[in-house]
Amino acid sequence: MPDASLKPLRSGKVRDVYAAGDNLVIVASDRISAFDCILPTRIPDKGKVLTALSVFWFARTANIAKNHLLTHQAEEFPAPFNTDPNRFAGRSMLVRRAEVLPVECVVRGYLAGSGWKEYRASQSICAVELPPGLRESDRLPEPIFTPTTKATQGHDMPIDFEETVRIVGTDAAVAVRDAALELYRFAASFALNRGIIIADTKFEFGYADGELILIDEIFTPDSSRFWDMNLYEPGRSQDSFDKQYVRDYLETLDWDKTPPAPELPAEVAAGTAAKYQEAYKRLTGLTWPAGDVHPNRLPGT
């Protein structure tokens, strides 16, 4: 990780963001959060999985939506980030700096999580009417765009498309909705051929030099709900390739979900790491640790 002389512009639950001239270096740590708390236990290689998957998907979806990635090769980063590339290798991206739109662009293809709760109460999600009689985890007739606010503190809150227009303007709202739906359709089909259902996912967009681009991460276990197609059974919740394994463990504890969060047992941390790595291996067709994910050498291109 970066030496102490480098101070991040900001630190999130997982990522640290550094200024690099006119651009940014985003470093994905092995931190994990649950119930809005950062846990003291690190998940081995989690940040590398998130970065490798984002690089993989950015390369495959650039024809759908331009993105912020410039390079993930640490030796190509500007000074001082390239002086000791091993500190950044595998878990960092040099990206274009963008003015972030203050909405999370969520797309749902299946009925799960908070969407399932909202459907049971209103037969709709974010004012999108859905057919009656759907079960938990059912596939939706069509993917739907269900944006949320982008909260700096606390929870993101669901909003409808009209509210999205009010926040970001008509042109931007239409552009991100259409791009998000097309991105989801492409990736969901791709993943299904590799035995993974992408139940839902979220994107972030921003403006760079007046151009609307895709930023942050895409189609990772932190930004998406991945299910094993072979174990899929609608009518119940599904096992997923993400931190649900951690949440399930924490639910067994006498913990009030306020900081400080408890340590994770070694077997829970290792089991979570294995789920992240399995998602990577299935989606990319590559082994772990990650090999070269250069866009010109991706499987199937």
Protein backbone atom coordinates (compact mmCIF):
# COMPACT_ATOMS: atom_id res chain seq x y z
CA MET A 1 0.00 0.00 0.00
CA PRO A 2 1.13 3.62 -0.41
CA ASP A 3 3.79 4.97 1.91
CA ALA A 4 2.90 7.34 4.71
CA SER A 5 4.06 10.42 2.79
CA LEU A 6 1.17 10.01 0.34
CA LYS A 7 -2.08 11.34 1.72
CA PRO A 8 -5.34 10.28 0.09
CA LEU A 9 -7.83 12.86 -1.08
CA ARG A 10 -10.46 10.67 0.50
CA SER A 11 -10.83 7.23 2.02
CA GLY A 12 -13.99 5.19 1.67
CA LYS A 13 -15.03 1.93 3.25
CA VAL A 14 -12.87 0.03 0.78
CA ARG A 15 -11.01 2.46 -1.51
CA ASP A 16 -8.41 5.17 -1.01
CA VAL A 17 -8.26 7.87 -3.69
CA TYR A 18 -5.08 9.84 -4.43
CA ALA A 19 -4.46 12.87 -6.62
CA ALA A 20 -2.13 12.11 -9.55
CA GLY A 21 -1.79 15.37 -11.44
CA ASP A 22 -4.98 15.89 -13.41
CA ASN A 23 -5.97 12.26 -12.78
CA LEU A 24 -6.56 9.99 -9.80
CA VAL A 25 -5.10 6.76 -8.46
CA ILE A 26 -7.74 4.53 -6.87
CA VAL A 27 -6.41 1.87 -4.50
CA ALA A 28 -8.74 -0.97 -3.48
CA SER A 29 -7.88 -2.19 0.01
CA ASP A 30 -8.72 -5.52 1.63
CA ARG A 31 -11.10 -3.78 4.04
CA ILE A 32 -14.64 -5.06 4.29
CA SER A 33 -17.72 -3.37 5.69
CA ALA A 34 -21.04 -4.69 6.90
CA PHE A 35 -24.03 -2.85 8.29
CA ASP A 36 -22.21 0.42 7.52
CA CYS A 37 -19.28 -0.52 9.77
CA ILE A 38 -15.72 -1.22 8.64
CA LEU A 39 -14.58 -4.48 10.18
CA PRO A 40 -11.12 -4.77 11.76
CA THR A 41 -10.42 -8.01 9.86
CA ARG A 42 -9.04 -7.83 6.33
CA ILE A 43 -10.14 -10.22 3.54
CA PRO A 44 -7.05 -11.57 1.75
CA ASP A 45 -6.70 -10.25 -1.84
CA LYS A 46 -10.17 -8.70 -1.81
CA GLY A 47 -8.91 -5.42 -3.26
CA LYS A 48 -7.05 -7.23 -6.01
CA VAL A 49 -10.17 -9.18 -6.99
CA LEU A 50 -12.24 -6.00 -7.17
CA THR A 51 -9.62 -4.27 -9.32
CA ALA A 52 -9.03 -7.21 -11.64
CA LEU A 53 -12.76 -7.67 -12.25
CA SER A 54 -13.31 -3.97 -12.89
CA VAL A 55 -10.43 -3.92 -15.40
CA PHE A 56 -11.90 -6.99 -17.08
CA TRP A 57 -15.37 -5.44 -17.40
CA PHE A 58 -14.18 -1.95 -18.35
CA ALA A 59 -12.38 -3.49 -21.32
CA ARG A 60 -15.40 -5.50 -22.38
CA THR A 61 -17.95 -2.70 -22.06
CA ALA A 62 -16.06 0.30 -23.47
CA ASN A 63 -18.17 0.09 -26.63
CA ILE A 64 -21.32 0.54 -24.50
CA ALA A 65 -20.10 3.29 -22.17
CA LYS A 66 -16.78 5.11 -22.06
CA ASN A 67 -15.07 4.76 -18.69
CA HIS A 68 -12.46 6.44 -16.55
CA LEU A 69 -9.73 3.76 -16.70
CA LEU A 70 -6.38 4.91 -18.10
CA THR A 71 -4.17 2.03 -16.93
CA HIS A 72 -3.97 -0.58 -14.20
CA GLN A 73 -0.25 -1.20 -14.77
CA ALA A 74 1.44 0.38 -11.75
CA GLU A 75 4.72 0.94 -13.61
CA GLU A 76 2.81 3.28 -15.95
CA PHE A 77 1.53 5.45 -13.10
CA PRO A 78 3.05 8.93 -12.69
CA ALA A 79 5.56 9.70 -9.95
CA PRO A 80 5.60 9.11 -7.05
CA PHE A 81 3.23 6.17 -7.59
CA ASN A 82 5.59 4.43 -10.03
CA THR A 83 8.68 4.57 -7.83
CA ASP A 84 7.67 1.38 -6.02
CA PRO A 85 5.02 -0.21 -8.25
CA ASN A 86 4.80 -3.32 -6.08
CA ARG A 87 2.99 -1.21 -3.48
CA PHE A 88 0.20 -0.58 -5.98
CA ALA A 89 0.39 -3.62 -8.24
CA GLY A 90 -2.84 -5.53 -8.73
CA ARG A 91 -5.09 -3.32 -6.62
CA SER A 92 -4.86 0.12 -8.22
CA MET A 93 -6.10 2.01 -11.27
CA LEU A 94 -5.01 5.30 -12.78
CA VAL A 95 -8.25 6.97 -13.84
CA ARG A 96 -9.61 10.21 -15.26
CA ARG A 97 -10.84 12.67 -12.67
CA ALA A 98 -14.58 13.21 -13.00
CA GLU A 99 -17.35 15.28 -11.47
CA VAL A 100 -19.47 12.52 -9.94
CA LEU A 101 -23.22 12.50 -10.49
CA PRO A 102 -24.97 12.40 -7.08
CA VAL A 103 -27.05 9.29 -7.85
CA GLU A 104 -26.35 5.56 -7.71
CA CYS A 105 -27.56 3.90 -10.90
CA VAL A 106 -29.03 0.59 -9.77
CA VAL A 107 -30.33 -2.02 -12.22
CA ARG A 108 -32.33 -5.04 -11.07
CA GLY A 109 -32.95 -8.17 -13.09
CA TYR A 110 -34.25 -10.27 -10.20
CA LEU A 111 -36.37 -9.62 -7.14
CA ALA A 112 -34.07 -9.56 -4.11
CA GLY A 113 -32.90 -7.53 -1.14
CA SER A 114 -34.56 -4.18 -0.55
CA GLY A 115 -36.36 -4.54 -3.88
CA TRP A 116 -38.15 -7.64 -2.61
CA LYS A 117 -39.19 -5.80 0.55
CA GLU A 118 -40.53 -2.86 -1.45
CA TYR A 119 -42.37 -5.13 -3.87
CA ARG A 120 -44.16 -6.92 -1.04
CA ALA A 121 -45.34 -3.58 0.31
CA SER A 122 -46.32 -1.85 -2.93
CA GLN A 123 -45.98 -4.29 -5.87
CA SER A 124 -43.46 -1.82 -7.31
CA ILE A 125 -39.84 -0.73 -6.95
CA CYS A 126 -38.92 2.96 -7.21
CA ALA A 127 -42.35 3.63 -8.78
CA VAL A 128 -41.79 0.91 -11.43
CA GLU A 129 -44.93 -1.24 -11.40
CA LEU A 130 -44.32 -4.99 -11.45
CA PRO A 131 -46.63 -7.94 -12.13
CA PRO A 132 -48.48 -9.49 -9.17
CA GLY A 133 -47.53 -12.84 -7.71
CA LEU A 134 -43.75 -12.64 -8.04
CA ARG A 135 -41.68 -14.65 -5.57
CA GLU A 136 -38.45 -13.72 -3.85
CA SER A 137 -35.52 -14.12 -6.30
CA ASP A 138 -37.82 -14.38 -9.33
CA ARG A 139 -36.44 -13.06 -12.60
CA LEU A 140 -38.17 -9.84 -13.61
CA PRO A 141 -39.90 -9.61 -17.00
CA GLU A 142 -37.32 -6.97 -17.99
CA PRO A 143 -34.41 -5.36 -16.11
CA ILE A 144 -35.49 -2.17 -14.36
CA PHE A 145 -33.65 1.02 -13.45
CA THR A 146 -34.08 1.77 -9.73
CA PRO A 147 -31.74 4.62 -8.76
CA THR A 148 -30.89 5.81 -5.28
CA THR A 149 -29.42 8.90 -3.72
CA LYS A 150 -25.68 8.88 -3.11
CA ALA A 151 -25.41 9.57 0.58
CA THR A 152 -22.17 10.89 2.08
CA GLN A 153 -23.38 9.61 5.45
CA GLY A 154 -25.97 7.00 6.36
CA HIS A 155 -27.93 4.98 3.81
CA ASP A 156 -28.65 5.67 0.15
CA MET A 157 -32.37 6.20 -0.37
CA PRO A 158 -34.39 4.88 -3.34
CA ILE A 159 -35.75 7.47 -5.76
CA ASP A 160 -37.85 7.30 -8.92
CA PHE A 161 -36.79 8.39 -12.39
CA GLU A 162 -38.54 11.75 -12.07
CA GLU A 163 -36.47 12.54 -8.98
CA THR A 164 -33.34 11.50 -10.87
CA VAL A 165 -34.25 14.02 -13.57
CA ARG A 166 -34.69 16.70 -10.92
CA ILE A 167 -31.26 15.97 -9.43
CA VAL A 168 -29.11 15.58 -12.56
CA GLY A 169 -31.23 16.93 -15.42
CA THR A 170 -33.15 15.19 -18.18
CA ASP A 171 -30.26 14.55 -20.57
CA ALA A 172 -28.01 13.01 -17.93
CA ALA A 173 -30.83 10.98 -16.37
CA VAL A 174 -31.82 9.47 -19.71
CA ALA A 175 -28.18 8.82 -20.65
CA VAL A 176 -27.27 7.01 -17.43
CA ARG A 177 -30.52 5.03 -17.36
CA ASP A 178 -30.05 3.79 -20.91
CA ALA A 179 -26.35 3.03 -20.43
CA ALA A 180 -26.95 1.23 -17.14
CA LEU A 181 -29.65 -1.00 -18.63
CA GLU A 182 -27.51 -1.84 -21.67
CA LEU A 183 -24.48 -2.58 -19.50
CA TYR A 184 -26.55 -4.87 -17.30
CA ARG A 185 -28.08 -6.77 -20.20
CA PHE A 186 -24.67 -7.38 -21.74
CA ALA A 187 -22.99 -8.52 -18.51
CA ALA A 188 -25.95 -10.58 -17.30
CA SER A 189 -25.95 -12.58 -20.54
CA PHE A 190 -22.17 -12.96 -20.46
CA ALA A 191 -22.18 -14.13 -16.84
CA LEU A 192 -25.06 -16.56 -17.32
CA ASN A 193 -22.98 -18.41 -19.90
CA ARG A 194 -20.39 -18.85 -17.14
CA GLY A 195 -22.78 -20.11 -14.49
CA ILE A 196 -23.38 -16.86 -12.62
CA ILE A 197 -26.60 -14.89 -12.31
CA ILE A 198 -26.15 -11.14 -11.86
CA ALA A 199 -29.29 -10.41 -9.87
CA ASP A 200 -28.67 -6.69 -9.58
CA THR A 201 -25.84 -4.20 -9.77
CA LYS A 202 -25.03 -0.53 -9.39
CA PHE A 203 -23.00 1.98 -11.38
CA GLU A 204 -21.61 5.44 -10.90
CA PHE A 205 -21.20 8.01 -13.65
CA GLY A 206 -19.49 11.38 -13.84
CA TYR A 207 -18.45 14.13 -16.22
CA ALA A 208 -14.82 14.39 -17.38
CA ASP A 209 -14.03 17.24 -19.77
CA GLY A 210 -17.74 17.55 -20.51
CA GLU A 211 -18.07 13.85 -21.36
CA LEU A 212 -20.32 11.51 -19.36
CA ILE A 213 -18.30 8.42 -18.40
CA LEU A 214 -18.58 5.31 -16.25
CA ILE A 215 -16.49 5.49 -13.07
CA ASP A 216 -15.65 3.63 -9.84
CA GLU A 217 -16.07 -0.17 -10.24
CA ILE A 218 -18.37 -2.41 -12.28
CA PHE A 219 -19.73 -5.93 -11.89
CA THR A 220 -17.74 -6.87 -8.80
CA PRO A 221 -18.98 -8.78 -5.74
CA ASP A 222 -19.09 -5.44 -3.90
CA SER A 223 -21.24 -3.66 -6.49
CA SER A 224 -23.36 -6.61 -7.66
CA ARG A 225 -25.36 -9.53 -6.36
CA PHE A 226 -23.91 -12.72 -7.91
CA TRP A 227 -25.72 -16.06 -7.60
CA ASP A 228 -24.67 -19.55 -8.62
CA MET A 229 -26.90 -20.53 -11.53
CA ASN A 230 -26.69 -24.21 -10.60
CA LEU A 231 -28.07 -23.53 -7.11
CA TYR A 232 -30.68 -20.96 -8.14
CA GLU A 233 -34.13 -21.67 -6.74
CA PRO A 234 -36.73 -18.86 -6.77
CA GLY A 235 -39.00 -18.51 -3.77
CA ARG A 236 -36.19 -18.01 -1.26
CA SER A 237 -33.02 -15.98 -0.75
CA GLN A 238 -29.95 -17.22 -2.65
CA ASP A 239 -26.37 -17.87 -1.65
CA SER A 240 -24.17 -15.19 -3.19
CA PHE A 241 -20.53 -14.59 -4.13
CA ASP A 242 -20.09 -11.59 -1.88
CA LYS A 243 -19.95 -10.44 1.73
CA GLN A 244 -23.30 -12.01 2.60
CA TYR A 245 -21.20 -14.77 4.16
CA VAL A 246 -19.83 -12.13 6.56
CA ARG A 247 -23.26 -10.64 7.25
CA ASP A 248 -24.67 -14.07 8.04
CA TYR A 249 -21.90 -14.68 10.56
CA LEU A 250 -22.36 -11.28 12.19
CA GLU A 251 -26.09 -11.93 12.57
CA THR A 252 -25.24 -14.83 14.90
CA LEU A 253 -23.41 -12.50 17.31
CA ASP A 254 -24.67 -10.37 20.15
CA TRP A 255 -23.61 -7.19 18.37
CA ASP A 256 -25.76 -4.07 17.99
CA LYS A 257 -24.32 -3.19 14.54
CA THR A 258 -22.61 -0.04 15.78
CA PRO A 259 -18.83 0.57 15.89
CA PRO A 260 -16.56 -0.96 16.89
CA ALA A 261 -17.28 -4.00 14.75
CA PRO A 262 -16.05 -7.41 15.93
CA GLU A 263 -13.14 -9.34 14.51
CA LEU A 264 -13.93 -12.13 12.06
CA PRO A 265 -12.69 -15.67 12.71
CA ALA A 266 -9.96 -16.77 10.32
CA GLU A 267 -12.25 -19.31 8.69
CA VAL A 268 -14.89 -16.67 7.91
CA ALA A 269 -12.29 -14.35 6.38
CA ALA A 270 -10.86 -17.20 4.32
CA GLY A 271 -14.32 -18.35 3.23
CA THR A 272 -15.21 -14.83 2.10
CA ALA A 273 -11.95 -14.53 0.15
CA ALA A 274 -12.71 -17.83 -1.56
CA LYS A 275 -16.14 -16.58 -2.68
CA TYR A 276 -14.65 -13.41 -4.22
CA GLN A 277 -11.96 -15.42 -6.00
CA GLU A 278 -14.47 -17.97 -7.29
CA ALA A 279 -16.53 -15.17 -8.84
CA TYR A 280 -13.40 -13.87 -10.57
CA LYS A 281 -12.41 -17.29 -11.89
CA ARG A 282 -15.86 -18.10 -13.25
CA LEU A 283 -16.43 -14.76 -14.92
CA THR A 284 -13.01 -14.33 -16.51
CA GLY A 285 -12.06 -17.93 -17.18
CA LEU A 286 -8.69 -17.15 -15.60
CA THR A 287 -7.00 -18.67 -12.58
CA TRP A 288 -6.28 -16.89 -9.32
CA PRO A 289 -3.95 -15.16 -8.46
CA ALA A 290 -4.89 -12.92 -11.36
CA GLY A 291 -2.73 -13.12 -14.42
CA ASP A 292 -2.57 -10.52 -17.16
CA VAL A 293 -5.97 -8.90 -17.69
CA HIS A 294 -4.82 -6.62 -20.50
CA PRO A 295 -7.83 -5.81 -22.72
CA ASN A 296 -6.15 -7.38 -25.76
CA ARG A 297 -5.60 -10.66 -23.96
CA LEU A 298 -8.94 -11.33 -22.34
CA PRO A 299 -10.50 -14.78 -22.77
CA GLY A 300 -13.01 -14.89 -25.59
CA THR A 301 -12.02 -11.59 -27.25
